[in-house]
Amino acid sequence: MTVAMMTEIQTAEEAVKVAQEIERLEAVVKAMKESLKRYVEETGKPVETVDQVWWWVESESWKFTPEKLKELCQELAIEGVNPWELLGITAANLKKTGWSDQALSSFGEKRVTRSFRARKK
């Protein structure tokens, strides 16, 4: 399947049209994925294309209570592993502290990444 695309956006109006088309296409892709997912669930078989296999990909995660996390860190330390090299604090959890960037900067370095995507108004 080929996709036709203008080479350069010249005006704000063209930019809005492109953004709207992206929103439309993403909605279509989302609906198509849901349909494909239902098909795979019903048949129990993966769908293979030339380049990919559409099937369930499992991911694992662990959840610990604060007490058990402390025990885990102690066990790691006993085994000679620095638990702080394995653990991190999410940005969401840092926000819960209410500490300012200035306060946090005495403990670490802030990294800012940028991603281009749409968000709700």
PDB file of N, CA and C in Angstrom:
ATOM      1  N   MET A   1       0.853  -1.174   0.000  1.00  0.00           N
ATOM      2  CA  MET A   1       0.000   0.000   0.000  1.00  0.00           C
ATOM      3  C   MET A   1       0.898   1.236   0.000  1.00  0.00           C
ATOM      4  N   THR A   2       0.615   2.178  -0.859  1.00  0.00           N
ATOM      5  CA  THR A   2       1.381   3.415  -0.909  1.00  0.00           C
ATOM      6  C   THR A   2       0.567   4.540  -0.300  1.00  0.00           C
ATOM      7  N   VAL A   3       1.278   5.506   0.212  1.00  0.00           N
ATOM      8  CA  VAL A   3       0.639   6.650   0.854  1.00  0.00           C
ATOM      9  C   VAL A   3       1.126   7.915   0.176  1.00  0.00           C
ATOM     10  N   ALA A   4       0.183   8.723  -0.296  1.00  0.00           N
ATOM     11  CA  ALA A   4       0.539   9.996  -0.918  1.00  0.00           C
ATOM     12  C   ALA A   4       0.617  11.055   0.169  1.00  0.00           C
ATOM     13  N   MET A   5       1.650  11.879   0.104  1.00  0.00           N
ATOM     14  CA  MET A   5       1.831  12.920   1.112  1.00  0.00           C
ATOM     15  C   MET A   5       2.462  14.126   0.454  1.00  0.00           C
ATOM     16  N   MET A   6       1.947  15.290   0.813  1.00  0.00           N
ATOM     17  CA  MET A   6       2.590  16.502   0.305  1.00  0.00           C
ATOM     18  C   MET A   6       3.995  16.571   0.891  1.00  0.00           C
ATOM     19  N   THR A   7       4.893  17.227   0.199  1.00  0.00           N
ATOM     20  CA  THR A   7       6.274  17.244   0.652  1.00  0.00           C
ATOM     21  C   THR A   7       6.524  18.273   1.740  1.00  0.00           C
ATOM     22  N   GLU A   8       5.792  19.348   1.726  1.00  0.00           N
ATOM     23  CA  GLU A   8       6.069  20.425   2.676  1.00  0.00           C
ATOM     24  C   GLU A   8       4.774  21.153   3.020  1.00  0.00           C
ATOM     25  N   ILE A   9       4.585  21.427   4.281  1.00  0.00           N
ATOM     26  CA  ILE A   9       3.432  22.226   4.711  1.00  0.00           C
ATOM     27  C   ILE A   9       3.833  23.689   4.597  1.00  0.00           C
ATOM     28  N   GLN A  10       3.033  24.462   3.876  1.00  0.00           N
ATOM     29  CA  GLN A  10       3.378  25.855   3.616  1.00  0.00           C
ATOM     30  C   GLN A  10       2.582  26.844   4.463  1.00  0.00           C
ATOM     31  N   THR A  11       1.366  26.481   4.833  1.00  0.00           N
ATOM     32  CA  THR A  11       0.506  27.447   5.523  1.00  0.00           C
ATOM     33  C   THR A  11      -0.100  26.830   6.779  1.00  0.00           C
ATOM     34  N   ALA A  12      -0.629  27.703   7.633  1.00  0.00           N
ATOM     35  CA  ALA A  12      -1.302  27.238   8.848  1.00  0.00           C
ATOM     36  C   ALA A  12      -2.522  26.394   8.498  1.00  0.00           C
ATOM     37  N   GLU A  13      -3.224  26.767   7.442  1.00  0.00           N
ATOM     38  CA  GLU A  13      -4.399  26.004   7.017  1.00  0.00           C
ATOM     39  C   GLU A  13      -4.004  24.589   6.597  1.00  0.00           C
ATOM     40  N   GLU A  14      -2.907  24.473   5.859  1.00  0.00           N
ATOM     41  CA  GLU A  14      -2.425  23.147   5.471  1.00  0.00           C
ATOM     42  C   GLU A  14      -2.022  22.340   6.703  1.00  0.00           C
ATOM     43  N   ALA A  15      -1.402  23.001   7.659  1.00  0.00           N
ATOM     44  CA  ALA A  15      -0.989  22.314   8.890  1.00  0.00           C
ATOM     45  C   ALA A  15      -2.199  21.766   9.635  1.00  0.00           C
ATOM     46  N   VAL A  16      -3.278  22.556   9.712  1.00  0.00           N
ATOM     47  CA  VAL A  16      -4.505  22.101  10.377  1.00  0.00           C
ATOM     48  C   VAL A  16      -5.091  20.907   9.630  1.00  0.00           C
ATOM     49  N   LYS A  17      -5.116  20.972   8.310  1.00  0.00           N
ATOM     50  CA  LYS A  17      -5.650  19.859   7.514  1.00  0.00           C
ATOM     51  C   LYS A  17      -4.830  18.588   7.729  1.00  0.00           C
ATOM     52  N   VAL A  18      -3.522  18.729   7.772  1.00  0.00           N
ATOM     53  CA  VAL A  18      -2.657  17.571   8.010  1.00  0.00           C
ATOM     54  C   VAL A  18      -2.913  17.006   9.404  1.00  0.00           C
ATOM     55  N   ALA A  19      -3.015  17.885  10.397  1.00  0.00           N
ATOM     56  CA  ALA A  19      -3.279  17.429  11.767  1.00  0.00           C
ATOM     57  C   ALA A  19      -4.617  16.698  11.849  1.00  0.00           C
ATOM     58  N   GLN A  20      -5.629  17.240  11.195  1.00  0.00           N
ATOM     59  CA  GLN A  20      -6.943  16.587  11.191  1.00  0.00           C
ATOM     60  C   GLN A  20      -6.890  15.229  10.502  1.00  0.00           C
ATOM     61  N   GLU A  21      -6.146  15.138   9.429  1.00  0.00           N
ATOM     62  CA  GLU A  21      -6.020  13.859   8.726  1.00  0.00           C
ATOM     63  C   GLU A  21      -5.284  12.841   9.593  1.00  0.00           C
ATOM     64  N   ILE A  22      -4.277  13.284  10.317  1.00  0.00           N
ATOM     65  CA  ILE A  22      -3.572  12.385  11.242  1.00  0.00           C
ATOM     66  C   ILE A  22      -4.539  11.873  12.302  1.00  0.00           C
ATOM     67  N   GLU A  23      -5.359  12.767  12.863  1.00  0.00           N
ATOM     68  CA  GLU A  23      -6.345  12.359  13.869  1.00  0.00           C
ATOM     69  C   GLU A  23      -7.311  11.333  13.286  1.00  0.00           C
ATOM     70  N   ARG A  24      -7.759  11.559  12.053  1.00  0.00           N
ATOM     71  CA  ARG A  24      -8.683  10.627  11.405  1.00  0.00           C
ATOM     72  C   ARG A  24      -8.024   9.271  11.185  1.00  0.00           C
ATOM     73  N   LEU A  25      -6.802   9.300  10.668  1.00  0.00           N
ATOM     74  CA  LEU A  25      -6.093   8.050  10.399  1.00  0.00           C
ATOM     75  C   LEU A  25      -5.810   7.276  11.680  1.00  0.00           C
ATOM     76  N   GLU A  26      -5.437   7.982  12.745  1.00  0.00           N
ATOM     77  CA  GLU A  26      -5.179   7.305  14.014  1.00  0.00           C
ATOM     78  C   GLU A  26      -6.444   6.652  14.553  1.00  0.00           C
ATOM     79  N   ALA A  27      -7.597   7.297  14.370  1.00  0.00           N
ATOM     80  CA  ALA A  27      -8.866   6.700  14.800  1.00  0.00           C
ATOM     81  C   ALA A  27      -9.167   5.446  13.983  1.00  0.00           C
ATOM     82  N   VAL A  28      -8.892   5.501  12.685  1.00  0.00           N
ATOM     83  CA  VAL A  28      -9.098   4.332  11.824  1.00  0.00           C
ATOM     84  C   VAL A  28      -8.171   3.199  12.247  1.00  0.00           C
ATOM     85  N   VAL A  29      -6.910   3.506  12.491  1.00  0.00           N
ATOM     86  CA  VAL A  29      -5.943   2.485  12.910  1.00  0.00           C
ATOM     87  C   VAL A  29      -6.377   1.857  14.234  1.00  0.00           C
ATOM     88  N   LYS A  30      -6.836   2.681  15.166  1.00  0.00           N
ATOM     89  CA  LYS A  30      -7.290   2.157  16.460  1.00  0.00           C
ATOM     90  C   LYS A  30      -8.446   1.177  16.267  1.00  0.00           C
ATOM     91  N   ALA A  31      -9.412   1.541  15.430  1.00  0.00           N
ATOM     92  CA  ALA A  31     -10.557   0.663  15.171  1.00  0.00           C
ATOM     93  C   ALA A  31     -10.107  -0.621  14.471  1.00  0.00           C
ATOM     94  N   MET A  32      -9.179  -0.500  13.541  1.00  0.00           N
ATOM     95  CA  MET A  32      -8.678  -1.679  12.834  1.00  0.00           C
ATOM     96  C   MET A  32      -7.952  -2.621  13.791  1.00  0.00           C
ATOM     97  N   LYS A  33      -7.162  -2.064  14.704  1.00  0.00           N
ATOM     98  CA  LYS A  33      -6.451  -2.894  15.678  1.00  0.00           C
ATOM     99  C   LYS A  33      -7.431  -3.629  16.581  1.00  0.00           C
ATOM    100  N   GLU A  34      -8.486  -2.944  17.007  1.00  0.00           N
ATOM    101  CA  GLU A  34      -9.499  -3.594  17.843  1.00  0.00           C
ATOM    102  C   GLU A  34     -10.161  -4.736  17.090  1.00  0.00           C
ATOM    103  N   SER A  35     -10.463  -4.529  15.824  1.00  0.00           N
ATOM    104  CA  SER A  35     -11.066  -5.568  14.999  1.00  0.00           C
ATOM    105  C   SER A  35     -10.115  -6.753  14.838  1.00  0.00           C
ATOM    106  N   LEU A  36      -8.850  -6.459  14.575  1.00  0.00           N
ATOM    107  CA  LEU A  36      -7.853  -7.517  14.429  1.00  0.00           C
ATOM    108  C   LEU A  36      -7.681  -8.275  15.744  1.00  0.00           C
ATOM    109  N   LYS A  37      -7.687  -7.541  16.848  1.00  0.00           N
ATOM    110  CA  LYS A  37      -7.556  -8.173  18.161  1.00  0.00           C
ATOM    111  C   LYS A  37      -8.719  -9.147  18.408  1.00  0.00           C
ATOM    112  N   ARG A  38      -9.939  -8.723  18.074  1.00  0.00           N
ATOM    113  CA  ARG A  38     -11.097  -9.610  18.237  1.00  0.00           C
ATOM    114  C   ARG A  38     -10.949 -10.869  17.381  1.00  0.00           C
ATOM    115  N   TYR A  39     -10.479 -10.695  16.150  1.00  0.00           N
ATOM    116  CA  TYR A  39     -10.276 -11.834  15.258  1.00  0.00           C
ATOM    117  C   TYR A  39      -9.272 -12.815  15.865  1.00  0.00           C
ATOM    118  N   VAL A  40      -8.161 -12.294  16.352  1.00  0.00           N
ATOM    119  CA  VAL A  40      -7.124 -13.143  16.938  1.00  0.00           C
ATOM    120  C   VAL A  40      -7.660 -13.835  18.194  1.00  0.00           C
ATOM    121  N   GLU A  41      -8.441 -13.111  18.998  1.00  0.00           N
ATOM    122  CA  GLU A  41      -9.038 -13.731  20.186  1.00  0.00           C
ATOM    123  C   GLU A  41      -9.967 -14.875  19.791  1.00  0.00           C
ATOM    124  N   GLU A  42     -10.778 -14.656  18.769  1.00  0.00           N
ATOM    125  CA  GLU A  42     -11.759 -15.657  18.346  1.00  0.00           C
ATOM    126  C   GLU A  42     -11.107 -16.880  17.712  1.00  0.00           C
ATOM    127  N   THR A  43     -10.080 -16.662  16.909  1.00  0.00           N
ATOM    128  CA  THR A  43      -9.449 -17.784  16.204  1.00  0.00           C
ATOM    129  C   THR A  43      -8.356 -18.448  17.029  1.00  0.00           C
ATOM    130  N   GLY A  44      -7.773 -17.683  17.942  1.00  0.00           N
ATOM    131  CA  GLY A  44      -6.670 -18.225  18.727  1.00  0.00           C
ATOM    132  C   GLY A  44      -5.395 -18.393  17.925  1.00  0.00           C
ATOM    133  N   LYS A  45      -5.331 -17.757  16.761  1.00  0.00           N
ATOM    134  CA  LYS A  45      -4.167 -17.888  15.890  1.00  0.00           C
ATOM    135  C   LYS A  45      -3.566 -16.517  15.605  1.00  0.00           C
ATOM    136  N   PRO A  46      -2.231 -16.451  15.542  1.00  0.00           N
ATOM    137  CA  PRO A  46      -1.597 -15.184  15.181  1.00  0.00           C
ATOM    138  C   PRO A  46      -1.845 -14.849  13.716  1.00  0.00           C
ATOM    139  N   VAL A  47      -1.725 -13.585  13.389  1.00  0.00           N
ATOM    140  CA  VAL A  47      -1.835 -13.122  12.007  1.00  0.00           C
ATOM    141  C   VAL A  47      -0.442 -12.692  11.570  1.00  0.00           C
ATOM    142  N   GLU A  48       0.033 -13.306  10.490  1.00  0.00           N
ATOM    143  CA  GLU A  48       1.376 -13.008   9.998  1.00  0.00           C
ATOM    144  C   GLU A  48       1.304 -12.185   8.721  1.00  0.00           C
ATOM    145  N   THR A  49       2.069 -11.115   8.704  1.00  0.00           N
ATOM    146  CA  THR A  49       2.257 -10.336   7.489  1.00  0.00           C
ATOM    147  C   THR A  49       3.670 -10.614   6.994  1.00  0.00           C
ATOM    148  N   VAL A  50       4.097  -9.909   5.984  1.00  0.00           N
ATOM    149  CA  VAL A  50       5.449 -10.111   5.474  1.00  0.00           C
ATOM    150  C   VAL A  50       6.486  -9.792   6.552  1.00  0.00           C
ATOM    151  N   ASP A  51       6.246  -8.726   7.305  1.00  0.00           N
ATOM    152  CA  ASP A  51       7.258  -8.240   8.239  1.00  0.00           C
ATOM    153  C   ASP A  51       6.968  -8.507   9.711  1.00  0.00           C
ATOM    154  N   GLN A  52       5.714  -8.782  10.062  1.00  0.00           N
ATOM    155  CA  GLN A  52       5.374  -8.843  11.481  1.00  0.00           C
ATOM    156  C   GLN A  52       4.397  -9.969  11.775  1.00  0.00           C
ATOM    157  N   VAL A  53       4.310 -10.281  13.064  1.00  0.00           N
ATOM    158  CA  VAL A  53       3.317 -11.223  13.556  1.00  0.00           C
ATOM    159  C   VAL A  53       2.465 -10.477  14.567  1.00  0.00           C
ATOM    160  N   TRP A  54       1.156 -10.507  14.361  1.00  0.00           N
ATOM    161  CA  TRP A  54       0.217  -9.864  15.277  1.00  0.00           C
ATOM    162  C   TRP A  54      -0.283 -10.925  16.239  1.00  0.00           C
ATOM    163  N   TRP A  55       0.092 -10.771  17.491  1.00  0.00           N
ATOM    164  CA  TRP A  55      -0.227 -11.745  18.523  1.00  0.00           C
ATOM    165  C   TRP A  55      -0.049 -11.060  19.861  1.00  0.00           C
ATOM    166  N   TRP A  56      -0.362 -11.764  20.902  1.00  0.00           N
ATOM    167  CA  TRP A  56      -0.239 -11.195  22.245  1.00  0.00           C
ATOM    168  C   TRP A  56       1.223 -11.156  22.662  1.00  0.00           C
ATOM    169  N   VAL A  57       1.642 -10.036  23.166  1.00  0.00           N
ATOM    170  CA  VAL A  57       2.982  -9.877  23.710  1.00  0.00           C
ATOM    171  C   VAL A  57       2.808  -9.637  25.202  1.00  0.00           C
ATOM    172  N   GLU A  58       3.379 -10.526  25.988  1.00  0.00           N
ATOM    173  CA  GLU A  58       3.231 -10.394  27.430  1.00  0.00           C
ATOM    174  C   GLU A  58       4.311  -9.479  27.987  1.00  0.00           C
ATOM    175  N   SER A  59       3.941  -8.761  29.003  1.00  0.00           N
ATOM    176  CA  SER A  59       4.919  -7.974  29.745  1.00  0.00           C
ATOM    177  C   SER A  59       4.728  -8.301  31.218  1.00  0.00           C
ATOM    178  N   GLU A  60       5.804  -8.254  31.933  1.00  0.00           N
ATOM    179  CA  GLU A  60       5.756  -8.574  33.352  1.00  0.00           C
ATOM    180  C   GLU A  60       6.139  -7.359  34.165  1.00  0.00           C
ATOM    181  N   SER A  61       5.541  -7.261  35.309  1.00  0.00           N
ATOM    182  CA  SER A  61       5.943  -6.236  36.265  1.00  0.00           C
ATOM    183  C   SER A  61       5.695  -6.797  37.659  1.00  0.00           C
ATOM    184  N   TRP A  62       6.340  -6.213  38.610  1.00  0.00           N
ATOM    185  CA  TRP A  62       6.188  -6.636  39.994  1.00  0.00           C
ATOM    186  C   TRP A  62       5.713  -5.462  40.816  1.00  0.00           C
ATOM    187  N   LYS A  63       4.877  -5.750  41.788  1.00  0.00           N
ATOM    188  CA  LYS A  63       4.410  -4.722  42.710  1.00  0.00           C
ATOM    189  C   LYS A  63       4.745  -5.203  44.111  1.00  0.00           C
ATOM    190  N   PHE A  64       5.372  -4.330  44.882  1.00  0.00           N
ATOM    191  CA  PHE A  64       5.774  -4.660  46.242  1.00  0.00           C
ATOM    192  C   PHE A  64       5.145  -3.675  47.209  1.00  0.00           C
ATOM    193  N   THR A  65       4.811  -4.150  48.381  1.00  0.00           N
ATOM    194  CA  THR A  65       4.405  -3.230  49.440  1.00  0.00           C
ATOM    195  C   THR A  65       5.663  -2.501  49.891  1.00  0.00           C
ATOM    196  N   PRO A  66       5.523  -1.344  50.517  1.00  0.00           N
ATOM    197  CA  PRO A  66       6.719  -0.647  51.001  1.00  0.00           C
ATOM    198  C   PRO A  66       7.579  -1.515  51.922  1.00  0.00           C
ATOM    199  N   GLU A  67       6.937  -2.300  52.774  1.00  0.00           N
ATOM    200  CA  GLU A  67       7.689  -3.150  53.706  1.00  0.00           C
ATOM    201  C   GLU A  67       8.479  -4.222  52.957  1.00  0.00           C
ATOM    202  N   LYS A  68       7.826  -4.849  51.975  1.00  0.00           N
ATOM    203  CA  LYS A  68       8.501  -5.906  51.216  1.00  0.00           C
ATOM    204  C   LYS A  68       9.590  -5.328  50.309  1.00  0.00           C
ATOM    205  N   LEU A  69       9.394  -4.126  49.814  1.00  0.00           N
ATOM    206  CA  LEU A  69      10.425  -3.480  49.012  1.00  0.00           C
ATOM    207  C   LEU A  69      11.658  -3.214  49.867  1.00  0.00           C
ATOM    208  N   LYS A  70      11.434  -2.807  51.094  1.00  0.00           N
ATOM    209  CA  LYS A  70      12.548  -2.590  52.028  1.00  0.00           C
ATOM    210  C   LYS A  70      13.290  -3.906  52.258  1.00  0.00           C
ATOM    211  N   GLU A  71      12.551  -4.993  52.481  1.00  0.00           N
ATOM    212  CA  GLU A  71      13.170  -6.302  52.681  1.00  0.00           C
ATOM    213  C   GLU A  71      13.966  -6.723  51.447  1.00  0.00           C
ATOM    214  N   LEU A  72      13.398  -6.496  50.275  1.00  0.00           N
ATOM    215  CA  LEU A  72      14.085  -6.830  49.032  1.00  0.00           C
ATOM    216  C   LEU A  72      15.411  -6.078  48.937  1.00  0.00           C
ATOM    217  N   CYS A  73      15.384  -4.791  49.239  1.00  0.00           N
ATOM    218  CA  CYS A  73      16.604  -3.979  49.185  1.00  0.00           C
ATOM    219  C   CYS A  73      17.637  -4.479  50.186  1.00  0.00           C
ATOM    220  N   GLN A  74      17.182  -4.874  51.361  1.00  0.00           N
ATOM    221  CA  GLN A  74      18.112  -5.405  52.362  1.00  0.00           C
ATOM    222  C   GLN A  74      18.750  -6.704  51.873  1.00  0.00           C
ATOM    223  N   GLU A  75      17.954  -7.583  51.276  1.00  0.00           N
ATOM    224  CA  GLU A  75      18.485  -8.842  50.746  1.00  0.00           C
ATOM    225  C   GLU A  75      19.484  -8.582  49.622  1.00  0.00           C
ATOM    226  N   LEU A  76      19.163  -7.637  48.759  1.00  0.00           N
ATOM    227  CA  LEU A  76      20.094  -7.293  47.683  1.00  0.00           C
ATOM    228  C   LEU A  76      21.414  -6.796  48.253  1.00  0.00           C
ATOM    229  N   ALA A  77      21.336  -5.931  49.263  1.00  0.00           N
ATOM    230  CA  ALA A  77      22.548  -5.395  49.884  1.00  0.00           C
ATOM    231  C   ALA A  77      23.371  -6.514  50.511  1.00  0.00           C
ATOM    232  N   ILE A  78      22.710  -7.471  51.152  1.00  0.00           N
ATOM    233  CA  ILE A  78      23.412  -8.610  51.749  1.00  0.00           C
ATOM    234  C   ILE A  78      24.155  -9.398  50.672  1.00  0.00           C
ATOM    235  N   GLU A  79      23.554  -9.484  49.489  1.00  0.00           N
ATOM    236  CA  GLU A  79      24.182 -10.206  48.379  1.00  0.00           C
ATOM    237  C   GLU A  79      25.229  -9.366  47.648  1.00  0.00           C
ATOM    238  N   GLY A  80      25.465  -8.153  48.125  1.00  0.00           N
ATOM    239  CA  GLY A  80      26.486  -7.309  47.527  1.00  0.00           C
ATOM    240  C   GLY A  80      26.012  -6.469  46.361  1.00  0.00           C
ATOM    241  N   VAL A  81      24.705  -6.382  46.178  1.00  0.00           N
ATOM    242  CA  VAL A  81      24.137  -5.586  45.094  1.00  0.00           C
ATOM    243  C   VAL A  81      23.634  -4.271  45.672  1.00  0.00           C
ATOM    244  N   ASN A  82      24.011  -3.162  45.043  1.00  0.00           N
ATOM    245  CA  ASN A  82      23.521  -1.860  45.482  1.00  0.00           C
ATOM    246  C   ASN A  82      22.093  -1.692  44.963  1.00  0.00           C
ATOM    247  N   PRO A  83      21.086  -1.754  45.847  1.00  0.00           N
ATOM    248  CA  PRO A  83      19.698  -1.679  45.369  1.00  0.00           C
ATOM    249  C   PRO A  83      19.369  -0.360  44.692  1.00  0.00           C
ATOM    250  N   TRP A  84      20.073   0.697  45.030  1.00  0.00           N
ATOM    251  CA  TRP A  84      19.763   2.012  44.460  1.00  0.00           C
ATOM    252  C   TRP A  84      20.157   2.101  42.998  1.00  0.00           C
ATOM    253  N   GLU A  85      21.028   1.192  42.550  1.00  0.00           N
ATOM    254  CA  GLU A  85      21.361   1.153  41.129  1.00  0.00           C
ATOM    255  C   GLU A  85      20.264   0.470  40.318  1.00  0.00           C
ATOM    256  N   LEU A  86      19.370  -0.233  41.000  1.00  0.00           N
ATOM    257  CA  LEU A  86      18.284  -0.945  40.329  1.00  0.00           C
ATOM    258  C   LEU A  86      16.956  -0.211  40.409  1.00  0.00           C
ATOM    259  N   LEU A  87      16.817   0.655  41.384  1.00  0.00           N
ATOM    260  CA  LEU A  87      15.535   1.297  41.647  1.00  0.00           C
ATOM    261  C   LEU A  87      15.534   2.745  41.192  1.00  0.00           C
ATOM    262  N   GLY A  88      14.373   3.221  40.822  1.00  0.00           N
ATOM    263  CA  GLY A  88      14.214   4.615  40.434  1.00  0.00           C
ATOM    264  C   GLY A  88      12.878   5.139  40.916  1.00  0.00           C
ATOM    265  N   ILE A  89      12.744   6.429  40.947  1.00  0.00           N
ATOM    266  CA  ILE A  89      11.502   7.071  41.358  1.00  0.00           C
ATOM    267  C   ILE A  89      10.908   7.731  40.123  1.00  0.00           C
ATOM    268  N   THR A  90       9.657   7.458  39.863  1.00  0.00           N
ATOM    269  CA  THR A  90       9.003   8.033  38.686  1.00  0.00           C
ATOM    270  C   THR A  90       8.759   9.525  38.887  1.00  0.00           C
ATOM    271  N   ALA A  91       8.598  10.224  37.783  1.00  0.00           N
ATOM    272  CA  ALA A  91       8.284  11.655  37.846  1.00  0.00           C
ATOM    273  C   ALA A  91       6.972  11.875  38.590  1.00  0.00           C
ATOM    274  N   ALA A  92       6.003  10.989  38.374  1.00  0.00           N
ATOM    275  CA  ALA A  92       4.711  11.119  39.058  1.00  0.00           C
ATOM    276  C   ALA A  92       4.880  11.002  40.571  1.00  0.00           C
ATOM    277  N   ASN A  93       5.720  10.076  41.011  1.00  0.00           N
ATOM    278  CA  ASN A  93       5.939   9.936  42.452  1.00  0.00           C
ATOM    279  C   ASN A  93       6.738  11.100  43.022  1.00  0.00           C
ATOM    280  N   LEU A  94       7.667  11.636  42.246  1.00  0.00           N
ATOM    281  CA  LEU A  94       8.403  12.814  42.716  1.00  0.00           C
ATOM    282  C   LEU A  94       7.465  13.999  42.889  1.00  0.00           C
ATOM    283  N   LYS A  95       6.492  14.142  41.988  1.00  0.00           N
ATOM    284  CA  LYS A  95       5.526  15.241  42.109  1.00  0.00           C
ATOM    285  C   LYS A  95       4.727  15.129  43.395  1.00  0.00           C
ATOM    286  N   LYS A  96       4.464  13.898  43.827  1.00  0.00           N
ATOM    287  CA  LYS A  96       3.704  13.683  45.060  1.00  0.00           C
ATOM    288  C   LYS A  96       4.422  14.241  46.285  1.00  0.00           C
ATOM    289  N   THR A  97       5.749  14.374  46.200  1.00  0.00           N
ATOM    290  CA  THR A  97       6.493  14.910  47.345  1.00  0.00           C
ATOM    291  C   THR A  97       6.232  16.395  47.533  1.00  0.00           C
ATOM    292  N   GLY A  98       5.879  17.072  46.445  1.00  0.00           N
ATOM    293  CA  GLY A  98       5.665  18.509  46.517  1.00  0.00           C
ATOM    294  C   GLY A  98       6.960  19.307  46.509  1.00  0.00           C
ATOM    295  N   TRP A  99       8.077  18.629  46.327  1.00  0.00           N
ATOM    296  CA  TRP A  99       9.362  19.316  46.329  1.00  0.00           C
ATOM    297  C   TRP A  99       9.562  20.069  45.020  1.00  0.00           C
ATOM    298  N   SER A 100      10.250  21.183  45.110  1.00  0.00           N
ATOM    299  CA  SER A 100      10.542  21.993  43.927  1.00  0.00           C
ATOM    300  C   SER A 100      11.693  21.370  43.138  1.00  0.00           C
ATOM    301  N   ASP A 101      11.825  21.814  41.888  1.00  0.00           N
ATOM    302  CA  ASP A 101      12.960  21.377  41.078  1.00  0.00           C
ATOM    303  C   ASP A 101      14.270  21.752  41.747  1.00  0.00           C
ATOM    304  N   GLN A 102      14.278  22.910  42.379  1.00  0.00           N
ATOM    305  CA  GLN A 102      15.500  23.359  43.053  1.00  0.00           C
ATOM    306  C   GLN A 102      15.867  22.399  44.183  1.00  0.00           C
ATOM    307  N   ALA A 103      14.887  21.988  44.967  1.00  0.00           N
ATOM    308  CA  ALA A 103      15.160  21.053  46.061  1.00  0.00           C
ATOM    309  C   ALA A 103      15.641  19.707  45.509  1.00  0.00           C
ATOM    310  N   LEU A 104      14.992  19.234  44.464  1.00  0.00           N
ATOM    311  CA  LEU A 104      15.370  17.947  43.886  1.00  0.00           C
ATOM    312  C   LEU A 104      16.742  17.996  43.224  1.00  0.00           C
ATOM    313  N   SER A 105      17.131  19.169  42.730  1.00  0.00           N
ATOM    314  CA  SER A 105      18.412  19.282  42.022  1.00  0.00           C
ATOM    315  C   SER A 105      19.602  19.025  42.934  1.00  0.00           C
ATOM    316  N   SER A 106      19.409  19.108  44.234  1.00  0.00           N
ATOM    317  CA  SER A 106      20.520  18.803  45.137  1.00  0.00           C
ATOM    318  C   SER A 106      20.736  17.289  45.249  1.00  0.00           C
ATOM    319  N   PHE A 107      19.792  16.504  44.723  1.00  0.00           N
ATOM    320  CA  PHE A 107      19.906  15.050  44.780  1.00  0.00           C
ATOM    321  C   PHE A 107      20.170  14.407  43.421  1.00  0.00           C
ATOM    322  N   GLY A 108      19.772  15.081  42.366  1.00  0.00           N
ATOM    323  CA  GLY A 108      19.925  14.473  41.053  1.00  0.00           C
ATOM    324  C   GLY A 108      19.787  15.485  39.943  1.00  0.00           C
ATOM    325  N   GLU A 109      19.810  14.980  38.743  1.00  0.00           N
ATOM    326  CA  GLU A 109      19.762  15.822  37.555  1.00  0.00           C
ATOM    327  C   GLU A 109      18.431  15.603  36.839  1.00  0.00           C
ATOM    328  N   LYS A 110      17.775  16.687  36.498  1.00  0.00           N
ATOM    329  CA  LYS A 110      16.501  16.605  35.786  1.00  0.00           C
ATOM    330  C   LYS A 110      16.771  16.388  34.302  1.00  0.00           C
ATOM    331  N   ARG A 111      16.076  15.406  33.731  1.00  0.00           N
ATOM    332  CA  ARG A 111      16.166  15.163  32.294  1.00  0.00           C
ATOM    333  C   ARG A 111      14.822  15.521  31.683  1.00  0.00           C
ATOM    334  N   VAL A 112      14.853  16.257  30.600  1.00  0.00           N
ATOM    335  CA  VAL A 112      13.632  16.633  29.898  1.00  0.00           C
ATOM    336  C   VAL A 112      13.715  16.055  28.494  1.00  0.00           C
ATOM    337  N   THR A 113      12.680  15.323  28.117  1.00  0.00           N
ATOM    338  CA  THR A 113      12.615  14.788  26.767  1.00  0.00           C
ATOM    339  C   THR A 113      11.416  15.405  26.064  1.00  0.00           C
ATOM    340  N   ARG A 114      11.482  15.418  24.759  1.00  0.00           N
ATOM    341  CA  ARG A 114      10.371  15.961  23.976  1.00  0.00           C
ATOM    342  C   ARG A 114       9.837  14.874  23.072  1.00  0.00           C
ATOM    343  N   SER A 115       8.539  14.817  22.966  1.00  0.00           N
ATOM    344  CA  SER A 115       7.923  13.923  21.992  1.00  0.00           C
ATOM    345  C   SER A 115       6.831  14.703  21.278  1.00  0.00           C
ATOM    346  N   PHE A 116       6.727  14.445  20.004  1.00  0.00           N
ATOM    347  CA  PHE A 116       5.737  15.153  19.195  1.00  0.00           C
ATOM    348  C   PHE A 116       4.473  14.318  19.147  1.00  0.00           C
ATOM    349  N   ARG A 117       3.395  14.836  19.731  1.00  0.00           N
ATOM    350  CA  ARG A 117       2.120  14.125  19.730  1.00  0.00           C
ATOM    351  C   ARG A 117       1.004  15.099  20.041  1.00  0.00           C
ATOM    352  N   ALA A 118      -0.191  14.665  19.782  1.00  0.00           N
ATOM    353  CA  ALA A 118      -1.360  15.486  20.085  1.00  0.00           C
ATOM    354  C   ALA A 118      -1.784  15.232  21.522  1.00  0.00           C
ATOM    355  N   ARG A 119      -2.436  16.216  22.110  1.00  0.00           N
ATOM    356  CA  ARG A 119      -3.015  16.041  23.443  1.00  0.00           C
ATOM    357  C   ARG A 119      -4.338  16.772  23.465  1.00  0.00           C
ATOM    358  N   LYS A 120      -5.202  16.370  24.362  1.00  0.00           N
ATOM    359  CA  LYS A 120      -6.517  16.997  24.466  1.00  0.00           C
ATOM    360  C   LYS A 120      -6.367  18.441  24.913  1.00  0.00           C
ATOM    361  N   LYS A 121      -7.268  19.299  24.428  1.00  0.00           N
ATOM    362  CA  LYS A 121      -7.258  20.716  24.812  1.00  0.00           C
ATOM    363  C   LYS A 121      -7.748  20.864  26.234  1.00  0.00           C
TER     364      LYS A 121
END
